Amino acid sequence: MTDYAEEQRNELEALESIYADSFTVLSSSPASFSITVTSEAAEEEEENIQVALKFTYAGSYPDQAPLYEIVSQENLEDADASGILTLLEEQAQENLGMVMIFTLVSAVQDRLNEIVDQIKTRREEEKVKKEREAEEAEKVVFHGTPVTIESFLNWKAKFEAEIAEIRRKRQKEEEQSGKSKLTGKQLFETDHNLDTSDIKFLEEAGNSVEVDESLFQDLDDLELDDEDDPDFNPIDLESD
C-alpha cells in the first residue's frame, strides 16, 4: 500500500531545497505551497516574466493530480497565463503515479523562456520593419515617386478640376463685389449710342459755343524773320 503522506513529505523537503528562495509553505493540512518561477532568458529588466504557482496536494497524490493555480503574474499576458494552465494540466496527466511538482515547474520555466524569446523576436521584427519603412520614406524624399501614365492622368484631371473651381469662385466673387468691368471695346459693342455721342454734343451746343478771338493773333502782326529759319537759303529766293 502506497504511503501518500510519506511521498508528499519527501517531495516537500526536496522542493524546499531546490527552490529555497522562491518556495513558501502556505498550509500543512492539506499540504499547500507556492513556487515563484522567473524566466531565465531575459536580458533587460522589463523583459522578465514571472508567475507564482500555488500547489495543493490531493489526498492520494501522486496517483491523483495536485490542485494548481496562478496566484500572481508579472509581464505575462492573460492569453499566455491560460496557456500555462493548460500546460500544467497536460503534464499532470502524463505524470500520474509519480511525484511531479519539479516536472511541472520545469515545464512552466521552459514556457516562460519561450515567451521571452518570442517577445524578443517580435521586437526585432518591429525594429527591422521600422528601419525598412524609414529607408523607403527616405527614398521617396530623394528620388520622388515614379510617374506612370495612370498616375499622370489622375493628377492632370485633378489639377484641371482645381483650376476650374478656382476660376469659378473668382468669377463669382467679382460678380458679387461689382469688380467685373467692361473694356472700352465691350462698352461700344453693348451700347451703340456711344458711336454718335460726340456729334450729339456738338449739335446741342450749337452757336452757344463762344470762341475768344483774342487768344489768336493775326499772322500779319507776327514778325517772322527768314533768317530765323535754319533752312533759309537766299539763293533759292533769287532763283525763284
Protein backbone atom coordinates (compact mmCIF):
# COMPACT_ATOMS: atom_id res chain seq x y z
CA MET A 1 0.00 0.00 0.00
CA THR A 2 1.33 3.40 -1.03
CA ASP A 3 2.14 5.80 1.82
CA TYR A 4 0.96 9.06 0.19
CA ALA A 5 1.81 11.19 3.22
CA GLU A 6 5.41 9.98 3.19
CA GLU A 7 5.86 10.63 -0.50
CA GLN A 8 4.42 14.11 -0.11
CA ARG A 9 6.74 14.92 2.85
CA ASN A 10 9.78 13.75 0.96
CA GLU A 11 8.88 15.82 -2.09
CA LEU A 12 8.26 18.91 0.03
CA GLU A 13 11.73 18.63 1.55
CA ALA A 14 13.30 18.27 -1.90
CA LEU A 15 11.33 21.20 -3.31
CA GLU A 16 12.27 23.46 -0.41
CA SER A 17 15.92 22.62 -1.02
CA ILE A 18 15.72 23.18 -4.81
CA TYR A 19 13.62 26.37 -4.72
CA ALA A 20 14.93 27.82 -1.45
CA ASP A 21 14.45 31.48 -2.49
CA SER A 22 11.04 31.05 -4.10
CA PHE A 23 9.40 28.27 -2.07
CA THR A 24 6.76 29.20 0.52
CA VAL A 25 4.65 26.84 2.66
CA LEU A 26 1.06 28.08 2.82
CA SER A 27 -0.58 25.34 4.89
CA SER A 28 0.21 21.87 6.27
CA SER A 29 -3.19 20.19 6.12
CA PRO A 30 -3.79 19.81 3.32
CA ALA A 31 -0.21 20.50 2.27
CA SER A 32 -0.18 23.70 0.22
CA PHE A 33 2.75 25.77 -1.01
CA SER A 34 3.77 28.30 -3.69
CA ILE A 35 6.76 28.45 -6.01
CA THR A 36 7.71 31.60 -7.91
CA VAL A 37 9.02 30.93 -11.42
CA THR A 38 11.02 33.56 -13.33
CA SER A 39 12.18 33.48 -16.94
CA GLU A 40 15.91 32.95 -17.48
CA ALA A 41 16.37 34.34 -20.97
CA ALA A 42 15.63 37.99 -20.22
CA GLU A 43 18.44 40.45 -20.94
CA GLU A 44 16.63 43.58 -19.72
CA GLU A 45 14.68 44.09 -16.52
CA GLU A 46 11.42 44.93 -18.28
CA GLU A 47 11.60 41.69 -20.26
CA ASN A 48 11.48 39.44 -17.17
CA ILE A 49 8.35 37.29 -16.86
CA GLN A 50 7.32 35.90 -13.52
CA VAL A 51 4.49 33.75 -12.19
CA ALA A 52 3.71 32.47 -8.71
CA LEU A 53 2.23 28.96 -8.80
CA LYS A 54 0.20 27.55 -5.91
CA PHE A 55 0.04 23.77 -5.48
CA THR A 56 -2.16 21.78 -3.09
CA TYR A 57 -1.74 18.07 -2.62
CA ALA A 58 -4.77 15.84 -3.07
CA GLY A 59 -5.15 13.03 -0.52
CA SER A 60 -3.89 10.34 -2.91
CA TYR A 61 -1.18 12.39 -4.59
CA PRO A 62 0.82 11.39 -6.67
CA ASP A 63 -1.77 8.93 -8.01
CA GLN A 64 -4.09 11.90 -8.14
CA ALA A 65 -3.09 15.20 -9.79
CA PRO A 66 -2.43 18.12 -7.43
CA LEU A 67 -4.54 21.27 -7.49
CA TYR A 68 -2.76 24.24 -9.06
CA GLU A 69 -3.39 27.89 -9.89
CA ILE A 70 -1.55 31.10 -10.80
CA VAL A 71 -1.75 33.46 -7.82
CA SER A 72 0.23 36.34 -9.34
CA GLN A 73 1.92 37.20 -12.62
CA GLU A 74 4.29 39.89 -13.93
CA ASN A 75 4.72 40.93 -17.60
CA LEU A 76 2.59 37.96 -18.61
CA GLU A 77 -0.43 38.41 -20.85
CA ASP A 78 -3.67 36.67 -19.94
CA ALA A 79 -3.54 34.51 -23.06
CA ASP A 80 -0.09 33.20 -22.06
CA ALA A 81 -1.33 32.61 -18.50
CA SER A 82 -4.16 30.46 -19.85
CA GLY A 83 -1.61 28.57 -21.91
CA ILE A 84 0.43 27.81 -18.78
CA LEU A 85 -2.61 26.38 -17.00
CA THR A 86 -3.27 24.16 -20.00
CA LEU A 87 0.37 23.04 -19.94
CA LEU A 88 0.12 22.13 -16.22
CA GLU A 89 -2.98 20.06 -16.93
CA GLU A 90 -1.23 18.12 -19.70
CA GLN A 91 1.92 17.50 -17.64
CA ALA A 92 -0.07 16.39 -14.57
CA GLN A 93 -1.99 13.77 -16.56
CA GLU A 94 1.20 12.47 -18.17
CA ASN A 95 2.98 12.04 -14.80
CA LEU A 96 0.27 10.46 -12.65
CA GLY A 97 1.70 7.95 -10.19
CA MET A 98 5.00 9.84 -9.80
CA VAL A 99 5.88 12.91 -7.75
CA MET A 100 5.61 15.64 -10.35
CA ILE A 101 5.92 19.15 -8.91
CA PHE A 102 9.51 19.57 -10.12
CA THR A 103 8.44 18.40 -13.59
CA LEU A 104 5.51 20.81 -13.64
CA VAL A 105 7.61 23.77 -12.51
CA SER A 106 10.34 22.95 -15.06
CA ALA A 107 7.75 22.85 -17.86
CA VAL A 108 6.48 26.29 -16.81
CA GLN A 109 10.06 27.58 -16.65
CA ASP A 110 10.68 26.44 -20.24
CA ARG A 111 7.42 28.04 -21.39
CA LEU A 112 8.33 31.38 -19.82
CA ASN A 113 11.69 31.31 -21.59
CA GLU A 114 9.93 30.61 -24.90
CA ILE A 115 7.60 33.56 -24.33
CA VAL A 116 10.56 35.86 -23.68
CA ASP A 117 12.22 34.64 -26.88
CA GLN A 118 9.00 35.33 -28.78
CA ILE A 119 8.83 38.83 -27.34
CA LYS A 120 12.44 39.50 -28.34
CA THR A 121 11.76 38.16 -31.85
CA ARG A 122 8.69 40.40 -32.25
CA ARG A 123 10.68 43.41 -31.11
CA GLU A 124 13.46 42.64 -33.58
CA GLU A 125 10.92 42.25 -36.37
CA GLU A 126 9.27 45.55 -35.45
CA LYS A 127 12.67 47.25 -35.37
CA VAL A 128 13.59 45.89 -38.80
CA LYS A 129 10.17 46.90 -40.13
CA LYS A 130 10.54 50.46 -38.86
CA GLU A 131 14.04 50.72 -40.32
CA ARG A 132 12.76 49.48 -43.67
CA GLU A 133 9.88 51.96 -43.61
CA ALA A 134 12.31 54.77 -42.78
CA GLU A 135 14.53 53.78 -45.71
CA GLU A 136 11.56 53.70 -48.07
CA ALA A 137 10.43 57.12 -46.86
CA GLU A 138 13.94 58.49 -47.42
CA LYS A 139 13.99 57.08 -50.95
CA VAL A 140 10.71 58.84 -51.71
CA VAL A 141 12.12 62.15 -50.45
CA PHE A 142 15.32 61.99 -52.51
CA HIS A 143 14.11 60.15 -55.59
CA GLY A 144 10.45 61.07 -55.70
CA THR A 145 7.55 58.85 -56.68
CA PRO A 146 7.82 57.17 -60.12
CA VAL A 147 5.29 58.66 -62.56
CA THR A 148 3.15 56.29 -64.60
CA ILE A 149 0.64 57.11 -67.33
CA GLU A 150 -2.20 56.32 -64.96
CA SER A 151 -0.83 58.45 -62.12
CA PHE A 152 -0.17 61.36 -64.54
CA LEU A 153 -3.71 61.25 -65.96
CA ASN A 154 -5.14 61.17 -62.46
CA TRP A 155 -3.00 64.15 -61.47
CA LYS A 156 -3.95 66.04 -64.66
CA ALA A 157 -7.68 65.51 -64.13
CA LYS A 158 -7.40 66.61 -60.52
CA PHE A 159 -5.30 69.67 -61.45
CA GLU A 160 -7.74 70.79 -64.17
CA ALA A 161 -10.67 70.37 -61.80
CA GLU A 162 -8.93 72.53 -59.20
CA ILE A 163 -8.15 75.26 -61.76
CA ALA A 164 -11.76 75.26 -63.00
CA GLU A 165 -13.01 75.57 -59.44
CA ILE A 166 -10.64 78.46 -58.72
CA ARG A 167 -11.82 80.32 -61.87
CA ARG A 168 -15.47 79.71 -60.99
CA LYS A 169 -15.00 81.07 -57.48
CA ARG A 170 -13.06 84.11 -58.75
CA GLN A 171 -15.76 84.94 -61.31
CA LYS A 172 -18.45 84.59 -58.68
CA GLU A 173 -16.56 86.87 -56.28
CA GLU A 174 -16.09 89.51 -59.00
CA GLU A 175 -19.78 89.42 -59.89
CA GLN A 176 -20.79 89.78 -56.24
CA SER A 177 -18.36 92.61 -55.50
CA GLY A 178 -19.08 94.54 -58.71
CA LYS A 179 -15.47 94.42 -59.79
CA SER A 180 -16.24 92.92 -63.16
CA LYS A 181 -15.77 95.85 -65.58
CA LEU A 182 -16.25 96.07 -69.36
CA THR A 183 -13.43 97.20 -71.63
CA GLY A 184 -13.86 100.20 -74.00
CA LYS A 185 -14.46 97.88 -76.90
CA GLN A 186 -17.07 95.96 -74.92
CA LEU A 187 -18.83 99.23 -73.96
CA PHE A 188 -19.16 100.29 -77.62
CA GLU A 189 -20.30 96.82 -78.61
CA THR A 190 -23.04 96.78 -75.98
CA ASP A 191 -24.11 100.49 -76.22
CA HIS A 192 -24.31 101.83 -79.80
CA ASN A 193 -25.41 105.31 -78.58
CA LEU A 194 -21.77 105.96 -77.78
CA ASP A 195 -20.98 105.97 -81.53
CA THR A 196 -22.69 109.36 -82.01
CA SER A 197 -22.28 110.81 -78.55
CA ASP A 198 -19.66 113.40 -79.63
CA ILE A 199 -21.73 114.55 -82.61
CA LYS A 200 -24.83 114.99 -80.44
CA PHE A 201 -22.83 117.06 -78.02
CA LEU A 202 -21.76 119.49 -80.74
CA GLU A 203 -25.29 119.72 -82.15
CA GLU A 204 -26.73 120.52 -78.77
CA ALA A 205 -24.04 123.16 -78.14
CA GLY A 206 -24.88 124.93 -81.49
CA ASN A 207 -24.00 128.65 -81.65
CA SER A 208 -23.81 128.82 -77.93
CA VAL A 209 -20.17 127.83 -78.15
CA GLU A 210 -18.18 131.09 -77.96
CA VAL A 211 -14.64 131.43 -79.24
CA ASP A 212 -12.37 134.03 -77.75
CA GLU A 213 -10.63 135.50 -80.84
CA SER A 214 -8.23 137.43 -78.66
CA LEU A 215 -6.50 134.22 -78.00
CA PHE A 216 -5.41 134.12 -81.61
CA GLN A 217 -3.02 136.60 -83.29
CA ASP A 218 -3.15 137.86 -86.89
CA LEU A 219 -0.41 136.34 -88.97
CA ASP A 220 0.35 139.83 -90.39
CA ASP A 221 1.20 141.07 -86.93
CA LEU A 222 3.76 138.37 -86.47
CA GLU A 223 7.35 139.44 -87.21
CA LEU A 224 8.81 136.47 -88.89
CA ASP A 225 12.45 136.68 -89.98
CA ASP A 226 13.54 134.28 -92.60
CA GLU A 227 16.97 134.26 -91.10
CA ASP A 228 15.48 132.65 -88.02
CA ASP A 229 14.78 129.66 -90.19
CA PRO A 230 17.82 127.41 -90.20
CA ASP A 231 16.77 126.07 -93.62
CA PHE A 232 16.50 129.54 -95.19
CA ASN A 233 18.66 129.99 -98.34
CA PRO A 234 18.62 133.41 -100.10
CA ILE A 235 19.89 131.83 -103.34
CA ASP A 236 16.72 129.81 -103.58
CA LEU A 237 14.67 133.03 -103.44
CA GLU A 238 16.67 134.63 -106.23
CA SER A 239 16.35 131.61 -108.42
CA ASP A 240 12.61 131.73 -107.94
